[in-house]
C-alpha atoms as a PDB file:
ATOM      1  CA  UNK A   1      53.181  16.271  34.942  1.00  0.00           C
ATOM      2  CA  UNK A   2      54.034  15.842  38.302  1.00  0.00           C
ATOM      3  CA  UNK A   3      51.480  17.243  40.647  1.00  0.00           C
ATOM      4  CA  UNK A   4      51.397  19.011  43.712  1.00  0.00           C
ATOM      5  CA  UNK A   5      51.354  17.359  47.376  1.00  0.00           C
ATOM      6  CA  UNK A   6      48.371  19.627  48.071  1.00  0.00           C
ATOM      7  CA  UNK A   7      46.550  17.897  45.045  1.00  0.00           C
ATOM      8  CA  UNK A   8      45.358  21.646  43.524  1.00  0.00           C
ATOM      9  CA  UNK A   9      46.812  22.740  40.482  1.00  0.00           C
ATOM     10  CA  UNK A  10      47.411  25.719  41.268  1.00  0.00           C
ATOM     11  CA  UNK A  11      50.499  27.134  40.184  1.00  0.00           C
ATOM     12  CA  UNK A  12      52.763  27.752  43.764  1.00  0.00           C
ATOM     13  CA  UNK A  13      53.459  30.995  45.024  1.00  0.00           C
ATOM     14  CA  UNK A  14      56.259  32.623  47.273  1.00  0.00           C
ATOM     15  CA  UNK A  15      55.623  33.255  50.547  1.00  0.00           C
ATOM     16  CA  UNK A  16      54.920  36.844  51.800  1.00  0.00           C
ATOM     17  CA  UNK A  17      55.832  38.254  55.040  1.00  0.00           C
ATOM     18  CA  UNK A  18      53.558  41.144  56.699  1.00  0.00           C
ATOM     19  CA  UNK A  19      55.351  44.396  57.777  1.00  0.00           C
ATOM     20  CA  UNK A  20      55.039  44.927  61.461  1.00  0.00           C
ATOM     21  CA  UNK A  21      53.736  48.292  62.910  1.00  0.00           C
ATOM     22  CA  UNK A  22      56.947  49.011  64.691  1.00  0.00           C
ATOM     23  CA  UNK A  23      59.439  48.255  61.527  1.00  0.00           C
ATOM     24  CA  UNK A  24      57.394  50.364  59.371  1.00  0.00           C
ATOM     25  CA  UNK A  25      57.217  53.552  61.542  1.00  0.00           C
ATOM     26  CA  UNK A  26      61.037  53.345  62.025  1.00  0.00           C
ATOM     27  CA  UNK A  27      63.083  55.479  60.048  1.00  0.00           C
ATOM     28  CA  UNK A  28      65.940  54.069  57.920  1.00  0.00           C
ATOM     29  CA  UNK A  29      69.758  55.480  58.631  1.00  0.00           C
ATOM     30  CA  UNK A  30      72.431  54.522  56.655  1.00  0.00           C
ATOM     31  CA  UNK A  31      75.606  52.497  58.142  1.00  0.00           C
ATOM     32  CA  UNK A  32      77.937  55.222  57.364  1.00  0.00           C
ATOM     33  CA  UNK A  33      76.536  58.170  58.508  1.00  0.00           C
ATOM     34  CA  UNK A  34      77.415  59.540  61.931  1.00  0.00           C
ATOM     35  CA  UNK A  35      75.242  60.501  64.639  1.00  0.00           C
ATOM     36  CA  UNK A  36      75.492  64.602  65.847  1.00  0.00           C
ATOM     37  CA  UNK A  37      76.449  64.858  69.346  1.00  0.00           C
ATOM     38  CA  UNK A  38      74.111  65.972  72.052  1.00  0.00           C
ATOM     39  CA  UNK A  39      74.578  69.801  72.688  1.00  0.00           C
ATOM     40  CA  UNK A  40      76.335  70.633  75.450  1.00  0.00           C
ATOM     41  CA  UNK A  41      76.967  73.518  77.774  1.00  0.00           C
ATOM     42  CA  UNK A  42      79.658  76.256  76.199  1.00  0.00           C
ATOM     43  CA  UNK A  43      83.050  75.468  78.339  1.00  0.00           C
ATOM     44  CA  UNK A  44      85.601  77.914  78.905  1.00  0.00           C
ATOM     45  CA  UNK A  45      88.596  76.883  76.757  1.00  0.00           C
ATOM     46  CA  UNK A  46      91.965  76.523  78.830  1.00  0.00           C
ATOM     47  CA  UNK A  47      94.641  79.418  77.458  1.00  0.00           C
ATOM     48  CA  UNK A  48      91.999  81.620  75.875  1.00  0.00           C
ATOM     49  CA  UNK A  49      92.969  85.165  77.047  1.00  0.00           C
ATOM     50  CA  UNK A  50      89.452  86.221  76.644  1.00  0.00           C
ATOM     51  CA  UNK A  51      88.000  84.210  79.504  1.00  0.00           C
ATOM     52  CA  UNK A  52      90.732  84.734  81.909  1.00  0.00           C
ATOM     53  CA  UNK A  53      90.220  87.120  84.481  1.00  0.00           C
ATOM     54  CA  UNK A  54      93.252  89.548  84.646  1.00  0.00           C
ATOM     55  CA  UNK A  55      94.289  90.834  87.506  1.00  0.00           C
ATOM     56  CA  UNK A  56      95.464  94.860  87.926  1.00  0.00           C
ATOM     57  CA  UNK A  57      99.069  95.345  88.636  1.00  0.00           C
ATOM     58  CA  UNK A  58      99.982  95.779  92.123  1.00  0.00           C
ATOM     59  CA  UNK A  59     100.317  99.383  92.806  1.00  0.00           C
ATOM     60  CA  UNK A  60     103.724 100.767  94.071  1.00  0.00           C
ATOM     61  CA  UNK A  61     104.111 100.927  97.919  1.00  0.00           C
ATOM     62  CA  UNK A  62     104.231 104.111  99.142  1.00  0.00           C
ATOM     63  CA  UNK A  63     108.097 104.885 100.749  1.00  0.00           C
ATOM     64  CA  UNK A  64     108.224 104.625 104.216  1.00  0.00           C
ATOM     65  CA  UNK A  65     108.787 107.657 106.679  1.00  0.00           C
ATOM     66  CA  UNK A  66     111.637 107.746 109.408  1.00  0.00           C
ATOM     67  CA  UNK A  67     110.584 110.169 111.604  1.00  0.00           C
ATOM     68  CA  UNK A  68     114.175 110.044 113.578  1.00  0.00           C
ATOM     69  CA  UNK A  69     116.675 110.240 110.654  1.00  0.00           C
ATOM     70  CA  UNK A  70     114.423 113.221 109.123  1.00  0.00           C
ATOM     71  CA  UNK A  71     115.016 114.968 112.230  1.00  0.00           C
ATOM     72  CA  UNK A  72     118.718 114.408 112.469  1.00  0.00           C
ATOM     73  CA  UNK A  73     118.944 115.186 109.033  1.00  0.00           C
ATOM     74  CA  UNK A  74     116.947 118.742 109.617  1.00  0.00           C
ATOM     75  CA  UNK A  75     119.506 119.520 112.638  1.00  0.00           C
ATOM     76  CA  UNK A  76     122.235 121.177 110.574  1.00  0.00           C
ATOM     77  CA  UNK A  77     119.650 123.533 108.534  1.00  0.00           C
ATOM     78  CA  UNK A  78     118.550 125.092 111.774  1.00  0.00           C
ATOM     79  CA  UNK A  79     121.931 125.259 113.075  1.00  0.00           C
ATOM     80  CA  UNK A  80     123.566 127.110 109.961  1.00  0.00           C
ATOM     81  CA  UNK A  81     120.163 129.158 109.576  1.00  0.00           C
ATOM     82  CA  UNK A  82     120.795 130.439 112.875  1.00  0.00           C
ATOM     83  CA  UNK A  83     124.366 131.606 111.863  1.00  0.00           C
ATOM     84  CA  UNK A  84     123.236 133.147 108.836  1.00  0.00           C
ATOM     85  CA  UNK A  85     120.253 134.895 110.142  1.00  0.00           C
ATOM     86  CA  UNK A  86     122.426 137.003 112.406  1.00  0.00           C
ATOM     87  CA  UNK A  87     125.150 137.554 109.743  1.00  0.00           C
ATOM     88  CA  UNK A  88     122.162 139.117 107.650  1.00  0.00           C
ATOM     89  CA  UNK A  89     121.183 140.807 110.432  1.00  0.00           C
ATOM     90  CA  UNK A  90     124.858 142.525 111.210  1.00  0.00           C
ATOM     91  CA  UNK A  91     124.683 143.520 107.735  1.00  0.00           C
ATOM     92  CA  UNK A  92     121.439 145.385 107.903  1.00  0.00           C
ATOM     93  CA  UNK A  93     119.301 143.181 106.004  1.00  0.00           C
ATOM     94  CA  UNK A  94     115.778 141.648 106.960  1.00  0.00           C
ATOM     95  CA  UNK A  95     116.613 138.598 109.367  1.00  0.00           C
ATOM     96  CA  UNK A  96     113.171 137.675 108.387  1.00  0.00           C
ATOM     97  CA  UNK A  97     114.323 136.237 105.057  1.00  0.00           C
ATOM     98  CA  UNK A  98     116.879 133.933 106.848  1.00  0.00           C
ATOM     99  CA  UNK A  99     113.851 132.538 108.581  1.00  0.00           C
ATOM    100  CA  UNK A 100     111.922 131.781 105.283  1.00  0.00           C
ATOM    101  CA  UNK A 101     116.002 130.130 103.896  1.00  0.00           C
ATOM    102  CA  UNK A 102     116.063 128.236 107.488  1.00  0.00           C
ATOM    103  CA  UNK A 103     112.454 126.822 107.258  1.00  0.00           C
ATOM    104  CA  UNK A 104     112.579 125.500 103.607  1.00  0.00           C
ATOM    105  CA  UNK A 105     116.214 124.243 104.394  1.00  0.00           C
ATOM    106  CA  UNK A 106     114.663 122.104 107.295  1.00  0.00           C
ATOM    107  CA  UNK A 107     111.717 120.782 105.368  1.00  0.00           C
ATOM    108  CA  UNK A 108     113.593 119.744 102.256  1.00  0.00           C
ATOM    109  CA  UNK A 109     117.026 117.667 104.445  1.00  0.00           C
ATOM    110  CA  UNK A 110     114.234 116.084 106.387  1.00  0.00           C
ATOM    111  CA  UNK A 111     112.162 114.552 103.437  1.00  0.00           C
ATOM    112  CA  UNK A 112     116.013 113.524 102.587  1.00  0.00           C
ATOM    113  CA  UNK A 113     116.724 111.632 105.321  1.00  0.00           C
ATOM    114  CA  UNK A 114     113.342 110.591 106.410  1.00  0.00           C
ATOM    115  CA  UNK A 115     112.752 109.458 102.855  1.00  0.00           C
ATOM    116  CA  UNK A 116     109.459 110.592 102.375  1.00  0.00           C
ATOM    117  CA  UNK A 117     108.185 114.662 102.993  1.00  0.00           C
ATOM    118  CA  UNK A 118     106.734 115.078 106.480  1.00  0.00           C
ATOM    119  CA  UNK A 119     103.227 113.649 107.369  1.00  0.00           C
ATOM    120  CA  UNK A 120     103.961 111.303 110.043  1.00  0.00           C
ATOM    121  CA  UNK A 121     106.804 114.269 111.129  1.00  0.00           C
ATOM    122  CA  UNK A 122     105.005 117.043 110.149  1.00  0.00           C
ATOM    123  CA  UNK A 123     104.616 118.214 113.677  1.00  0.00           C
ATOM    124  CA  UNK A 124     108.183 117.250 114.686  1.00  0.00           C
ATOM    125  CA  UNK A 125     109.450 119.291 111.843  1.00  0.00           C
ATOM    126  CA  UNK A 126     106.988 122.638 112.834  1.00  0.00           C
ATOM    127  CA  UNK A 127     108.489 122.198 116.203  1.00  0.00           C
ATOM    128  CA  UNK A 128     111.963 121.922 114.916  1.00  0.00           C
ATOM    129  CA  UNK A 129     111.057 125.255 112.774  1.00  0.00           C
ATOM    130  CA  UNK A 130     109.959 126.998 115.540  1.00  0.00           C
ATOM    131  CA  UNK A 131     112.642 126.529 117.944  1.00  0.00           C
ATOM    132  CA  UNK A 132     114.785 127.307 115.125  1.00  0.00           C
ATOM    133  CA  UNK A 133     113.131 130.680 114.440  1.00  0.00           C
ATOM    134  CA  UNK A 134     113.008 131.531 118.168  1.00  0.00           C
ATOM    135  CA  UNK A 135     116.990 130.550 118.509  1.00  0.00           C
ATOM    136  CA  UNK A 136     117.620 132.578 115.405  1.00  0.00           C
ATOM    137  CA  UNK A 137     115.229 135.815 117.027  1.00  0.00           C
ATOM    138  CA  UNK A 138     117.016 135.792 120.039  1.00  0.00           C
ATOM    139  CA  UNK A 139     120.354 135.436 118.799  1.00  0.00           C
ATOM    140  CA  UNK A 140     119.644 138.541 116.496  1.00  0.00           C
ATOM    141  CA  UNK A 141     118.510 140.054 120.014  1.00  0.00           C
ATOM    142  CA  UNK A 142     121.459 138.938 121.906  1.00  0.00           C
ATOM    143  CA  UNK A 143     123.921 140.493 119.071  1.00  0.00           C
ATOM    144  CA  UNK A 144     122.254 144.023 119.071  1.00  0.00           C
ATOM    145  CA  UNK A 145     123.261 144.045 122.889  1.00  0.00           C
ATOM    146  CA  UNK A 146     126.602 142.810 122.336  1.00  0.00           C
ATOM    147  CA  UNK A 147     127.179 145.652 119.677  1.00  0.00           C
ATOM    148  CA  UNK A 148     125.434 148.051 122.392  1.00  0.00           C
ATOM    149  CA  UNK A 149     127.464 147.064 124.796  1.00  0.00           C
ATOM    150  CA  UNK A 150     130.813 147.908 123.077  1.00  0.00           C
ATOM    151  CA  UNK A 151     129.821 151.248 121.983  1.00  0.00           C
ATOM    152  CA  UNK A 152     129.708 152.169 125.480  1.00  0.00           C
ATOM    153  CA  UNK A 153     132.511 151.328 127.123  1.00  0.00           C
ATOM    154  CA  UNK A 154     132.775 152.365 130.368  1.00  0.00           C
ATOM    155  CA  UNK A 155     129.084 153.697 130.720  1.00  0.00           C
ATOM    156  CA  UNK A 156     127.842 150.340 131.728  1.00  0.00           C
ATOM    157  CA  UNK A 157     128.651 148.858 135.391  1.00  0.00           C
ATOM    158  CA  UNK A 158     127.577 145.379 134.176  1.00  0.00           C
ATOM    159  CA  UNK A 159     129.882 142.609 132.556  1.00  0.00           C
ATOM    160  CA  UNK A 160     129.403 142.058 128.955  1.00  0.00           C
ATOM    161  CA  UNK A 161     127.905 138.913 129.838  1.00  0.00           C
ATOM    162  CA  UNK A 162     125.368 140.229 132.639  1.00  0.00           C
ATOM    163  CA  UNK A 163     124.270 142.899 130.357  1.00  0.00           C
ATOM    164  CA  UNK A 164     123.191 140.642 127.992  1.00  0.00           C
ATOM    165  CA  UNK A 165     121.520 138.361 130.087  1.00  0.00           C
ATOM    166  CA  UNK A 166     119.906 140.858 131.986  1.00  0.00           C
ATOM    167  CA  UNK A 167     118.219 142.708 128.771  1.00  0.00           C
ATOM    168  CA  UNK A 168     117.622 139.313 126.162  1.00  0.00           C
ATOM    169  CA  UNK A 169     114.591 138.829 128.157  1.00  0.00           C
ATOM    170  CA  UNK A 170     113.359 142.145 128.999  1.00  0.00           C
ATOM    171  CA  UNK A 171     110.007 142.804 127.860  1.00  0.00           C
ATOM    172  CA  UNK A 172     110.819 147.090 127.098  1.00  0.00           C
ATOM    173  CA  UNK A 173     113.870 145.682 124.863  1.00  0.00           C
ATOM    174  CA  UNK A 174     111.614 143.034 123.372  1.00  0.00           C
ATOM    175  CA  UNK A 175     108.551 145.480 122.381  1.00  0.00           C
ATOM    176  CA  UNK A 176     111.540 147.461 120.359  1.00  0.00           C
ATOM    177  CA  UNK A 177     111.540 144.445 117.789  1.00  0.00           C
ATOM    178  CA  UNK A 178     107.589 143.501 117.670  1.00  0.00           C
ATOM    179  CA  UNK A 179     107.795 144.328 113.503  1.00  0.00           C
ATOM    180  CA  UNK A 180     110.927 141.837 113.161  1.00  0.00           C
ATOM    181  CA  UNK A 181     108.963 138.923 115.568  1.00  0.00           C
ATOM    182  CA  UNK A 182     105.627 139.236 113.410  1.00  0.00           C
ATOM    183  CA  UNK A 183     108.412 138.709 110.040  1.00  0.00           C
ATOM    184  CA  UNK A 184     110.346 136.461 111.670  1.00  0.00           C
ATOM    185  CA  UNK A 185     106.850 134.621 112.307  1.00  0.00           C
ATOM    186  CA  UNK A 186     105.412 135.253 108.384  1.00  0.00           C
ATOM    187  CA  UNK A 187     108.378 134.192 106.944  1.00  0.00           C
ATOM    188  CA  UNK A 188     108.962 131.275 108.786  1.00  0.00           C
ATOM    189  CA  UNK A 189     105.313 129.689 108.066  1.00  0.00           C
ATOM    190  CA  UNK A 190     105.674 130.678 104.202  1.00  0.00           C
ATOM    191  CA  UNK A 191     108.664 128.744 104.338  1.00  0.00           C
ATOM    192  CA  UNK A 192     107.695 125.827 105.241  1.00  0.00           C
ATOM    193  CA  UNK A 193     103.999 125.757 103.718  1.00  0.00           C
ATOM    194  CA  UNK A 194     105.545 126.226 100.176  1.00  0.00           C
ATOM    195  CA  UNK A 195     108.472 123.492 100.709  1.00  0.00           C
ATOM    196  CA  UNK A 196     106.355 121.067 102.399  1.00  0.00           C
ATOM    197  CA  UNK A 197     103.590 121.778  99.208  1.00  0.00           C
ATOM    198  CA  UNK A 198     106.165 121.586  96.408  1.00  0.00           C
ATOM    199  CA  UNK A 199     107.507 118.576  97.641  1.00  0.00           C
ATOM    200  CA  UNK A 200     104.086 116.651  98.144  1.00  0.00           C
ATOM    201  CA  UNK A 201     103.032 118.196  94.867  1.00  0.00           C
ATOM    202  CA  UNK A 202     106.499 116.134  93.254  1.00  0.00           C
ATOM    203  CA  UNK A 203     105.957 113.287  95.038  1.00  0.00           C
ATOM    204  CA  UNK A 204     102.346 112.880  93.505  1.00  0.00           C
ATOM    205  CA  UNK A 205     103.723 113.342  89.688  1.00  0.00           C
ATOM    206  CA  UNK A 206     106.270 110.339  90.670  1.00  0.00           C
END
């Protein structure tokens, strides 16, 4: 039997390797295990309707009010209103009823021409209606003067035109029509107010 070079008779033992402290503390991770990604802040997902702000629908623009065109449309109502007022007056109806129709039709035609109820042109419409009512009233007075002149032939030394002109603005003659003047004003104001209010309400509902 051959002796070992060291001269000892003990059996040769296999060398051992001491584990380092670092290797003992490091956990072993299997090679096929994937590490979880680090937590990140939540991001908005493109195309997500819940995260996309929704803009409100644009409100329709209000119609443009063309004042001059509305006044031109309302003029025929004034002219027709004067004629209708005189006809009703000669038929012994209350002429102030025609004042209501004159005001209402003037406002309605103005709205058709202007494209919107009178707002910017409200003062212009009111002035137009007032002028129409004044002309209608004096047209009724002139009609009465012409009738009176025709019923008294030869008794008046003036011509018909002179007689009408001299008495049309005579305070004594106009005092006879005090009640009619008040009715013209009331019916004209009622026709203007009620028509404007109805048109504005209809526009608001739409």
